[in-house]
């Protein structure tokens, strides 16, 4: 099974009103919030808000002004941006860590960045599995208007498809 996501991750709680204002899909796992980013959502809000979505990383699609803006809006001085792209165990993953708007770790492996963020791996798990990232495999399904992958999940806020803001 494939795994392709890009997400902002930081300590919970977050400003949920802001997450809902921008229609962001959010999952809560072990005291962390995972904001799942979607291509259509990023393009829509770039046009509405004027924050650039050109990435400042070769390995992470959304290491950009819009992501940094959302992290600030959600109340995170310290946050990670992660990206996975693999299928059947083959592929790539990368992450970076920001603290007070300064990139302190660039393009590193996800587990190292999550541990620097404060994720303490549970026994027999790494940081990735501790915050259950394996559960969130593709971005767009958390923004669908019907059959949204977050529907009826107590630990999630459904993403709102960009067309609902027009």
C-alpha atoms as a PDB file:
ATOM      1  CA  UNK A   1       0.000   0.000   0.000  1.00  0.00           C
ATOM      2  CA  UNK A   2       1.292   3.460  -0.873  1.00  0.00           C
ATOM      3  CA  UNK A   3       1.953   6.362   1.456  1.00  0.00           C
ATOM      4  CA  UNK A   4       1.967   9.894   0.095  1.00  0.00           C
ATOM      5  CA  UNK A   5       1.310  12.794   2.440  1.00  0.00           C
ATOM      6  CA  UNK A   6       2.659  16.201   3.277  1.00  0.00           C
ATOM      7  CA  UNK A   7       1.713  17.542   6.694  1.00  0.00           C
ATOM      8  CA  UNK A   8       2.403  20.113   9.361  1.00  0.00           C
ATOM      9  CA  UNK A   9       2.897  18.591  12.808  1.00  0.00           C
ATOM     10  CA  UNK A  10       3.045  20.308  16.179  1.00  0.00           C
ATOM     11  CA  UNK A  11       2.017  19.928  19.792  1.00  0.00           C
ATOM     12  CA  UNK A  12      -1.679  19.901  20.595  1.00  0.00           C
ATOM     13  CA  UNK A  13      -3.782  21.825  21.336  1.00  0.00           C
ATOM     14  CA  UNK A  14      -4.103  24.058  18.300  1.00  0.00           C
ATOM     15  CA  UNK A  15      -6.381  26.945  17.447  1.00  0.00           C
ATOM     16  CA  UNK A  16      -9.215  24.814  16.032  1.00  0.00           C
ATOM     17  CA  UNK A  17     -11.203  27.879  14.994  1.00  0.00           C
ATOM     18  CA  UNK A  18      -8.373  28.818  12.623  1.00  0.00           C
ATOM     19  CA  UNK A  19      -8.100  25.243  11.333  1.00  0.00           C
ATOM     20  CA  UNK A  20     -11.828  25.298  10.517  1.00  0.00           C
ATOM     21  CA  UNK A  21     -11.618  28.805   9.041  1.00  0.00           C
ATOM     22  CA  UNK A  22      -9.159  27.493   6.436  1.00  0.00           C
ATOM     23  CA  UNK A  23     -10.867  24.100   6.108  1.00  0.00           C
ATOM     24  CA  UNK A  24      -7.762  22.213   7.220  1.00  0.00           C
ATOM     25  CA  UNK A  25      -7.880  18.466   7.877  1.00  0.00           C
ATOM     26  CA  UNK A  26      -6.456  17.785  11.341  1.00  0.00           C
ATOM     27  CA  UNK A  27      -5.731  14.531  13.160  1.00  0.00           C
ATOM     28  CA  UNK A  28      -4.836  14.307  16.842  1.00  0.00           C
ATOM     29  CA  UNK A  29      -2.429  11.567  17.891  1.00  0.00           C
ATOM     30  CA  UNK A  30      -0.634  11.222  21.267  1.00  0.00           C
ATOM     31  CA  UNK A  31      -0.593  14.937  22.172  1.00  0.00           C
ATOM     32  CA  UNK A  32       0.289  16.077  18.642  1.00  0.00           C
ATOM     33  CA  UNK A  33      -1.787  17.585  15.858  1.00  0.00           C
ATOM     34  CA  UNK A  34      -1.202  16.551  12.252  1.00  0.00           C
ATOM     35  CA  UNK A  35      -2.466  18.998   9.616  1.00  0.00           C
ATOM     36  CA  UNK A  36      -2.763  17.103   6.352  1.00  0.00           C
ATOM     37  CA  UNK A  37      -1.988  19.347   3.374  1.00  0.00           C
ATOM     38  CA  UNK A  38      -3.594  18.925  -0.043  1.00  0.00           C
ATOM     39  CA  UNK A  39      -2.534  20.262  -3.450  1.00  0.00           C
ATOM     40  CA  UNK A  40      -5.916  21.816  -4.334  1.00  0.00           C
ATOM     41  CA  UNK A  41      -6.240  23.376  -0.888  1.00  0.00           C
ATOM     42  CA  UNK A  42      -2.764  24.906  -1.128  1.00  0.00           C
ATOM     43  CA  UNK A  43      -3.412  26.389  -4.554  1.00  0.00           C
ATOM     44  CA  UNK A  44      -6.781  27.827  -3.535  1.00  0.00           C
ATOM     45  CA  UNK A  45      -5.462  29.524  -0.375  1.00  0.00           C
ATOM     46  CA  UNK A  46      -2.361  30.832  -2.151  1.00  0.00           C
ATOM     47  CA  UNK A  47      -4.715  32.741  -4.445  1.00  0.00           C
ATOM     48  CA  UNK A  48      -6.965  33.927  -1.611  1.00  0.00           C
ATOM     49  CA  UNK A  49      -4.308  34.863   0.949  1.00  0.00           C
ATOM     50  CA  UNK A  50      -1.358  35.723  -1.270  1.00  0.00           C
ATOM     51  CA  UNK A  51       1.167  33.526   0.551  1.00  0.00           C
ATOM     52  CA  UNK A  52       3.549  31.789  -1.835  1.00  0.00           C
ATOM     53  CA  UNK A  53       3.474  27.990  -2.151  1.00  0.00           C
ATOM     54  CA  UNK A  54       6.873  27.663  -3.831  1.00  0.00           C
ATOM     55  CA  UNK A  55       8.799  25.270  -1.600  1.00  0.00           C
ATOM     56  CA  UNK A  56      12.063  26.218   0.070  1.00  0.00           C
ATOM     57  CA  UNK A  57      13.037  22.542   0.096  1.00  0.00           C
ATOM     58  CA  UNK A  58      13.955  20.174  -2.713  1.00  0.00           C
ATOM     59  CA  UNK A  59      12.393  17.234  -0.875  1.00  0.00           C
ATOM     60  CA  UNK A  60       9.230  18.677   0.723  1.00  0.00           C
ATOM     61  CA  UNK A  61       6.455  20.111  -1.458  1.00  0.00           C
ATOM     62  CA  UNK A  62       4.938  22.528   1.040  1.00  0.00           C
ATOM     63  CA  UNK A  63       7.898  24.036   2.933  1.00  0.00           C
ATOM     64  CA  UNK A  64       6.516  27.418   1.953  1.00  0.00           C
ATOM     65  CA  UNK A  65       5.088  30.735   3.128  1.00  0.00           C
ATOM     66  CA  UNK A  66       1.517  29.431   3.290  1.00  0.00           C
ATOM     67  CA  UNK A  67       2.512  26.526   5.554  1.00  0.00           C
ATOM     68  CA  UNK A  68       4.483  28.877   7.810  1.00  0.00           C
ATOM     69  CA  UNK A  69       1.481  31.218   7.979  1.00  0.00           C
ATOM     70  CA  UNK A  70      -0.844  28.374   8.964  1.00  0.00           C
ATOM     71  CA  UNK A  71       1.575  27.130  11.631  1.00  0.00           C
ATOM     72  CA  UNK A  72       1.532  30.619  13.161  1.00  0.00           C
ATOM     73  CA  UNK A  73      -2.273  30.838  12.920  1.00  0.00           C
ATOM     74  CA  UNK A  74      -2.606  27.458  14.654  1.00  0.00           C
ATOM     75  CA  UNK A  75      -0.387  28.650  17.507  1.00  0.00           C
ATOM     76  CA  UNK A  76       2.807  26.729  16.788  1.00  0.00           C
ATOM     77  CA  UNK A  77       6.151  28.431  17.356  1.00  0.00           C
ATOM     78  CA  UNK A  78       7.755  24.985  16.881  1.00  0.00           C
ATOM     79  CA  UNK A  79       6.523  22.639  14.150  1.00  0.00           C
ATOM     80  CA  UNK A  80       7.616  20.070  11.595  1.00  0.00           C
ATOM     81  CA  UNK A  81       6.768  19.720   7.937  1.00  0.00           C
ATOM     82  CA  UNK A  82       6.933  16.116   6.762  1.00  0.00           C
ATOM     83  CA  UNK A  83       6.518  14.396   3.424  1.00  0.00           C
ATOM     84  CA  UNK A  84       6.311  10.762   2.431  1.00  0.00           C
ATOM     85  CA  UNK A  85       6.248   9.272  -1.023  1.00  0.00           C
ATOM     86  CA  UNK A  86       6.613   5.521  -1.156  1.00  0.00           C
ATOM     87  CA  UNK A  87       4.921   2.344  -2.263  1.00  0.00           C
ATOM     88  CA  UNK A  88       5.593  -1.213  -1.048  1.00  0.00           C
ATOM     89  CA  UNK A  89       8.477  -0.028   1.110  1.00  0.00           C
ATOM     90  CA  UNK A  90      10.299   1.770  -1.708  1.00  0.00           C
ATOM     91  CA  UNK A  91      10.446   5.548  -1.920  1.00  0.00           C
ATOM     92  CA  UNK A  92      11.391   8.642  -0.012  1.00  0.00           C
ATOM     93  CA  UNK A  93      10.552  10.611   3.096  1.00  0.00           C
ATOM     94  CA  UNK A  94      11.824  13.893   4.412  1.00  0.00           C
ATOM     95  CA  UNK A  95      11.117  16.426   7.137  1.00  0.00           C
ATOM     96  CA  UNK A  96      12.234  19.777   8.459  1.00  0.00           C
ATOM     97  CA  UNK A  97      11.776  21.510  11.802  1.00  0.00           C
ATOM     98  CA  UNK A  98      11.015  25.167  12.500  1.00  0.00           C
ATOM     99  CA  UNK A  99      11.359  27.002  15.791  1.00  0.00           C
ATOM    100  CA  UNK A 100      10.244  30.641  16.015  1.00  0.00           C
ATOM    101  CA  UNK A 101      10.171  30.987  12.203  1.00  0.00           C
ATOM    102  CA  UNK A 102      13.745  29.682  11.821  1.00  0.00           C
ATOM    103  CA  UNK A 103      14.449  26.379  10.110  1.00  0.00           C
ATOM    104  CA  UNK A 104      16.574  24.504  12.652  1.00  0.00           C
ATOM    105  CA  UNK A 105      16.655  21.115  10.877  1.00  0.00           C
ATOM    106  CA  UNK A 106      16.498  20.910   7.086  1.00  0.00           C
ATOM    107  CA  UNK A 107      15.636  17.918   4.907  1.00  0.00           C
ATOM    108  CA  UNK A 108      16.258  15.145   7.397  1.00  0.00           C
ATOM    109  CA  UNK A 109      14.533  11.839   8.134  1.00  0.00           C
ATOM    110  CA  UNK A 110      11.079  12.047   9.685  1.00  0.00           C
ATOM    111  CA  UNK A 111      11.886  10.195  12.914  1.00  0.00           C
ATOM    112  CA  UNK A 112      14.806  12.486  13.777  1.00  0.00           C
ATOM    113  CA  UNK A 113      12.688  15.582  13.185  1.00  0.00           C
ATOM    114  CA  UNK A 114       9.712  14.236  15.148  1.00  0.00           C
ATOM    115  CA  UNK A 115      11.957  13.415  18.107  1.00  0.00           C
ATOM    116  CA  UNK A 116      13.449  16.932  17.956  1.00  0.00           C
ATOM    117  CA  UNK A 117       9.858  18.231  17.965  1.00  0.00           C
ATOM    118  CA  UNK A 118       9.229  16.326  21.190  1.00  0.00           C
ATOM    119  CA  UNK A 119       7.689  13.024  20.107  1.00  0.00           C
ATOM    120  CA  UNK A 120       8.891  10.388  22.571  1.00  0.00           C
ATOM    121  CA  UNK A 121       8.737   6.986  20.876  1.00  0.00           C
ATOM    122  CA  UNK A 122       6.583   4.425  22.668  1.00  0.00           C
ATOM    123  CA  UNK A 123       8.152   1.035  23.475  1.00  0.00           C
ATOM    124  CA  UNK A 124       8.758  -0.985  20.293  1.00  0.00           C
ATOM    125  CA  UNK A 125       7.745   1.952  18.079  1.00  0.00           C
ATOM    126  CA  UNK A 126       9.548   4.786  16.359  1.00  0.00           C
ATOM    127  CA  UNK A 127       8.330   8.410  16.419  1.00  0.00           C
ATOM    128  CA  UNK A 128       6.476   7.949  13.104  1.00  0.00           C
ATOM    129  CA  UNK A 129       4.431   5.075  14.525  1.00  0.00           C
ATOM    130  CA  UNK A 130       4.012   6.738  17.935  1.00  0.00           C
ATOM    131  CA  UNK A 131       1.920   9.488  16.338  1.00  0.00           C
ATOM    132  CA  UNK A 132       0.266   6.962  14.022  1.00  0.00           C
ATOM    133  CA  UNK A 133       1.403   8.536  10.747  1.00  0.00           C
ATOM    134  CA  UNK A 134       0.936   5.207   8.976  1.00  0.00           C
ATOM    135  CA  UNK A 135      -2.823   5.735   9.320  1.00  0.00           C
ATOM    136  CA  UNK A 136      -2.771   8.844   7.083  1.00  0.00           C
ATOM    137  CA  UNK A 137      -1.805   7.565   3.644  1.00  0.00           C
ATOM    138  CA  UNK A 138      -3.112  10.072   1.118  1.00  0.00           C
ATOM    139  CA  UNK A 139      -4.004  13.705   1.421  1.00  0.00           C
ATOM    140  CA  UNK A 140      -6.975  14.293  -0.829  1.00  0.00           C
ATOM    141  CA  UNK A 141      -9.370  11.861   0.883  1.00  0.00           C
ATOM    142  CA  UNK A 142      -9.449  14.140   3.947  1.00  0.00           C
ATOM    143  CA  UNK A 143     -10.849  16.969   1.780  1.00  0.00           C
ATOM    144  CA  UNK A 144     -13.522  15.117  -0.214  1.00  0.00           C
ATOM    145  CA  UNK A 145     -17.035  16.537   0.000  1.00  0.00           C
ATOM    146  CA  UNK A 146     -18.477  12.996   0.183  1.00  0.00           C
ATOM    147  CA  UNK A 147     -16.880   9.953   1.801  1.00  0.00           C
ATOM    148  CA  UNK A 148     -14.359  12.161   3.601  1.00  0.00           C
ATOM    149  CA  UNK A 149     -11.800   9.910   5.337  1.00  0.00           C
ATOM    150  CA  UNK A 150     -12.117  11.962   8.537  1.00  0.00           C
ATOM    151  CA  UNK A 151     -15.894  11.551   8.850  1.00  0.00           C
ATOM    152  CA  UNK A 152     -16.938  10.034  12.170  1.00  0.00           C
ATOM    153  CA  UNK A 153     -13.363   9.852  13.482  1.00  0.00           C
ATOM    154  CA  UNK A 154     -13.310  11.296  16.997  1.00  0.00           C
ATOM    155  CA  UNK A 155      -9.662  12.346  16.700  1.00  0.00           C
ATOM    156  CA  UNK A 156     -10.089  14.328  13.465  1.00  0.00           C
ATOM    157  CA  UNK A 157     -11.392  17.569  12.033  1.00  0.00           C
ATOM    158  CA  UNK A 158     -12.642  17.064   8.463  1.00  0.00           C
ATOM    159  CA  UNK A 159     -10.929  19.087   5.798  1.00  0.00           C
ATOM    160  CA  UNK A 160     -13.244  21.268   3.760  1.00  0.00           C
ATOM    161  CA  UNK A 161     -12.894  21.094  -0.025  1.00  0.00           C
ATOM    162  CA  UNK A 162     -11.731  24.413  -1.465  1.00  0.00           C
ATOM    163  CA  UNK A 163     -14.829  24.689  -3.681  1.00  0.00           C
ATOM    164  CA  UNK A 164     -16.968  25.162  -0.553  1.00  0.00           C
ATOM    165  CA  UNK A 165     -15.241  28.505   0.083  1.00  0.00           C
ATOM    166  CA  UNK A 166     -16.024  29.974  -3.344  1.00  0.00           C
END
